[in-house]
Amino acid sequence: MEETTGLRERKKAATRLALHEAALRLATEHGLDRVTVEAVADAANVSRRTFSNYFSSKEEAIFHGDAVRLRRLLELVRRQPADAPPWAALSGAAERLAVEAYGNAPPSWLLHRRQLRGHPGLVAHQVAAYTAIERELADDVARRLTGPDRVLRSRVLAATFLASLRVAIQHWIDHPDGPLLDVLRTALAEATSARPGAPTPQTAG
């Protein structure tokens, strides 16, 4: 039974990935506004109904890769040492993600992302996805904090961290002269120094 379930999940993941890649490619080639859900389904060799089983829109299909990486970020944060200060845990998880998810990004992926940046439909979807992750991330951060206003402080930390991460990734996509890891470390250090009286990233919390 477990083997059957595992095979089914792998097939679903493969179909979801195929739809994501088809949507990304078509949007890059023809422009997002000229791409239809039917065209994405055809390009992935599935039915329109199958598309609807996985995504609610072409924008969601395009953003799937980012959504997967954001979920992975949460996993990495939760795997950080329990006694690590919040900002150190967040930074450690982000650095791992930078290497793991973006370390071998092909030039074609970077080109696609540059061509699609700024589209209103994708920006709105990105904001919604980051907002949803922010709530879960704040809950995780709150468990690493003590003292008054713990919930408020955790929300501020989560929001600051995700904004820094998003800006670093976008800057790197626009200027991929070096590894994302270097850009990310600079962005996180700047975010830390911008907090009045904040300690260094290694001891923040």
Protein backbone atom coordinates (compact mmCIF):
# COMPACT_ATOMS: atom_id res chain seq x y z
CA MET A 1 0.00 0.00 0.00
CA GLU A 2 2.79 2.45 0.91
CA GLU A 3 4.58 1.71 -2.37
CA THR A 4 1.38 2.37 -4.34
CA THR A 5 0.77 5.60 -2.47
CA GLY A 6 4.35 6.69 -3.06
CA LEU A 7 4.07 6.00 -6.79
CA ARG A 8 0.83 7.95 -7.00
CA GLU A 9 2.38 10.95 -5.25
CA ARG A 10 5.40 10.87 -7.54
CA LYS A 11 3.12 10.87 -10.59
CA LYS A 12 1.19 13.82 -9.19
CA ALA A 13 4.42 15.69 -8.53
CA ALA A 14 5.61 14.98 -12.08
CA THR A 15 2.35 16.24 -13.57
CA ARG A 16 2.44 19.38 -11.42
CA LEU A 17 6.02 20.05 -12.49
CA ALA A 18 5.18 19.49 -16.17
CA LEU A 19 2.35 22.01 -15.96
CA HIS A 20 4.58 24.52 -14.19
CA GLU A 21 7.33 24.20 -16.79
CA ALA A 22 4.86 24.41 -19.67
CA ALA A 23 3.23 27.54 -18.23
CA LEU A 24 6.60 29.20 -17.62
CA ARG A 25 7.84 28.41 -21.12
CA LEU A 26 4.67 29.57 -22.90
CA ALA A 27 4.45 32.77 -20.87
CA THR A 28 8.05 33.57 -21.76
CA GLU A 29 7.57 32.83 -25.45
CA HIS A 30 4.20 34.50 -25.98
CA GLY A 31 3.61 36.77 -23.00
CA LEU A 32 1.49 35.83 -20.01
CA ASP A 33 -1.63 37.63 -21.24
CA ARG A 34 -1.68 35.60 -24.45
CA VAL A 35 -1.34 32.22 -22.75
CA THR A 36 -4.46 30.20 -21.96
CA VAL A 37 -4.98 27.39 -19.51
CA GLU A 38 -5.92 25.16 -22.44
CA ALA A 39 -2.58 25.89 -24.11
CA VAL A 40 -0.69 25.02 -20.93
CA ALA A 41 -2.62 21.77 -20.57
CA ASP A 42 -1.95 20.85 -24.21
CA ALA A 43 1.75 21.61 -23.84
CA ALA A 44 1.93 19.31 -20.81
CA ASN A 45 -0.12 16.60 -22.60
CA VAL A 46 -2.95 16.64 -20.07
CA SER A 47 -6.60 17.67 -20.15
CA ARG A 48 -8.05 21.00 -19.10
CA ARG A 49 -9.74 19.19 -16.23
CA THR A 50 -6.44 17.73 -15.10
CA PHE A 51 -4.95 21.23 -15.04
CA SER A 52 -7.79 22.35 -12.76
CA ASN A 53 -7.03 19.48 -10.39
CA TYR A 54 -3.58 20.96 -9.78
CA PHE A 55 -3.83 24.71 -10.24
CA SER A 56 -6.55 27.33 -10.11
CA SER A 57 -4.91 29.59 -12.70
CA LYS A 58 -1.99 29.92 -15.10
CA GLU A 59 -0.40 32.39 -12.64
CA GLU A 60 -0.47 29.78 -9.89
CA ALA A 61 1.10 27.25 -12.25
CA ILE A 62 3.93 29.65 -13.08
CA PHE A 63 4.53 30.46 -9.42
CA HIS A 64 4.57 26.79 -8.41
CA GLY A 65 8.37 26.61 -8.32
CA ASP A 66 8.55 29.57 -5.97
CA ALA A 67 5.82 28.10 -3.77
CA VAL A 68 7.77 24.86 -3.47
CA ARG A 69 10.90 26.76 -2.49
CA LEU A 70 9.00 28.75 0.14
CA ARG A 71 7.64 25.55 1.67
CA ARG A 72 11.17 24.16 1.67
CA LEU A 73 12.34 27.29 3.48
CA LEU A 74 9.88 26.57 6.30
CA GLU A 75 11.24 23.03 6.58
CA LEU A 76 14.80 24.32 6.78
CA VAL A 77 13.91 26.85 9.48
CA ARG A 78 12.30 24.12 11.55
CA ARG A 79 15.43 22.00 11.22
CA GLN A 80 17.67 24.68 12.68
CA PRO A 81 18.99 24.01 16.22
CA ALA A 82 16.32 24.60 18.84
CA ASP A 83 18.60 26.95 20.79
CA ALA A 84 19.55 29.06 17.76
CA PRO A 85 18.43 32.71 18.04
CA PRO A 86 15.62 33.59 15.62
CA TRP A 87 17.63 35.63 13.11
CA ALA A 88 20.45 33.09 13.10
CA ALA A 89 17.93 30.30 12.42
CA LEU A 90 16.31 32.26 9.61
CA SER A 91 19.65 33.19 8.07
CA GLY A 92 20.95 29.64 8.27
CA ALA A 93 17.84 28.30 6.55
CA ALA A 94 18.00 30.97 3.83
CA GLU A 95 21.65 30.23 3.08
CA ARG A 96 20.90 26.54 2.78
CA LEU A 97 18.02 27.29 0.42
CA ALA A 98 20.20 29.57 -1.71
CA VAL A 99 22.64 26.74 -2.33
CA GLU A 100 20.11 23.95 -2.55
CA ALA A 101 17.42 25.56 -4.72
CA TYR A 102 19.27 28.23 -6.68
CA GLY A 103 22.89 27.10 -6.73
CA ASN A 104 22.61 25.44 -10.14
CA ALA A 105 19.89 27.57 -11.73
CA PRO A 106 20.36 27.41 -15.53
CA PRO A 107 20.68 30.63 -17.55
CA SER A 108 17.37 29.84 -19.27
CA TRP A 109 15.54 29.94 -15.91
CA LEU A 110 17.06 33.31 -15.06
CA LEU A 111 16.07 34.64 -18.49
CA HIS A 112 12.49 33.45 -18.03
CA ARG A 113 12.23 35.09 -14.65
CA ARG A 114 13.62 38.39 -15.92
CA GLN A 115 11.15 38.44 -18.79
CA LEU A 116 8.17 37.81 -16.51
CA ARG A 117 9.08 40.11 -13.63
CA GLY A 118 6.69 42.89 -12.84
CA HIS A 119 3.59 41.39 -14.44
CA PRO A 120 0.63 42.48 -12.26
CA GLY A 121 -0.93 39.01 -12.12
CA LEU A 122 2.30 37.39 -10.98
CA VAL A 123 3.14 40.15 -8.51
CA ALA A 124 -0.25 39.76 -6.84
CA HIS A 125 0.21 36.00 -6.63
CA GLN A 126 3.71 36.40 -5.22
CA VAL A 127 2.49 38.78 -2.52
CA ALA A 128 -0.26 36.34 -1.54
CA ALA A 129 2.16 33.40 -1.36
CA TYR A 130 4.69 35.30 0.73
CA THR A 131 1.94 36.54 3.04
CA ALA A 132 0.69 33.00 3.64
CA ILE A 133 4.21 31.76 4.41
CA GLU A 134 4.84 34.76 6.65
CA ARG A 135 2.14 33.66 9.09
CA GLU A 136 3.64 30.19 9.50
CA LEU A 137 7.15 31.56 9.72
CA ALA A 138 6.12 34.01 12.44
CA ASP A 139 4.67 31.14 14.45
CA ASP A 140 7.99 29.31 14.22
CA VAL A 141 9.94 32.43 15.18
CA ALA A 142 7.65 33.08 18.16
CA ARG A 143 8.66 29.74 19.64
CA ARG A 144 12.25 30.96 19.72
CA LEU A 145 11.39 34.21 21.54
CA THR A 146 10.61 35.09 25.13
CA GLY A 147 9.40 38.18 26.89
CA PRO A 148 6.65 40.72 26.23
CA ASP A 149 5.24 41.35 22.75
CA ARG A 150 6.63 38.01 21.60
CA VAL A 151 3.97 37.58 18.92
CA LEU A 152 4.40 41.09 17.54
CA ARG A 153 8.19 40.77 17.47
CA SER A 154 7.97 37.44 15.68
CA ARG A 155 5.76 38.95 12.98
CA VAL A 156 8.15 41.84 12.45
CA LEU A 157 11.13 39.49 12.22
CA ALA A 158 9.35 37.17 9.77
CA ALA A 159 8.21 40.06 7.58
CA THR A 160 11.66 41.67 7.57
CA PHE A 161 13.34 38.39 6.74
CA LEU A 162 11.00 37.48 3.88
CA ALA A 163 11.23 40.96 2.38
CA SER A 164 15.04 40.71 2.47
CA LEU A 165 14.93 37.26 0.90
CA ARG A 166 12.56 38.37 -1.87
CA VAL A 167 14.63 41.46 -2.69
CA ALA A 168 17.88 39.48 -2.69
CA ILE A 169 16.49 36.86 -5.08
CA GLN A 170 15.05 39.50 -7.41
CA HIS A 171 18.31 41.47 -7.41
CA TRP A 172 20.25 38.32 -8.20
CA ILE A 173 17.88 37.41 -11.05
CA ASP A 174 18.44 40.87 -12.53
CA HIS A 175 22.20 40.85 -11.85
CA PRO A 176 23.43 37.22 -11.76
CA ASP A 177 27.10 38.17 -11.66
CA GLY A 178 27.85 35.91 -8.70
CA PRO A 179 26.17 33.32 -6.49
CA LEU A 180 22.88 34.14 -4.82
CA LEU A 181 24.45 33.21 -1.49
CA ASP A 182 26.68 36.30 -1.56
CA VAL A 183 23.78 38.61 -2.43
CA LEU A 184 21.63 37.04 0.26
CA ARG A 185 24.24 37.46 2.97
CA THR A 186 24.63 41.13 2.05
CA ALA A 187 20.86 41.68 2.13
CA LEU A 188 20.40 39.94 5.47
CA ALA A 189 23.31 41.84 7.02
CA GLU A 190 21.82 45.11 5.80
CA ALA A 191 18.41 44.20 7.21
CA THR A 192 20.00 43.44 10.55
CA SER A 193 21.98 46.68 10.70
CA ALA A 194 18.82 48.63 9.86
CA ARG A 195 17.17 47.49 13.09
CA PRO A 196 17.99 50.07 15.80
CA GLY A 197 20.18 48.56 18.48
CA ALA A 198 20.04 45.14 16.84
CA PRO A 199 22.88 42.69 17.56
CA THR A 200 24.75 40.94 14.76
CA PRO A 201 22.95 38.24 12.75
CA GLN A 202 24.75 35.51 14.66
CA THR A 203 23.30 36.60 17.99
CA ALA A 204 20.02 38.31 17.04
CA GLY A 205 16.99 37.12 18.95
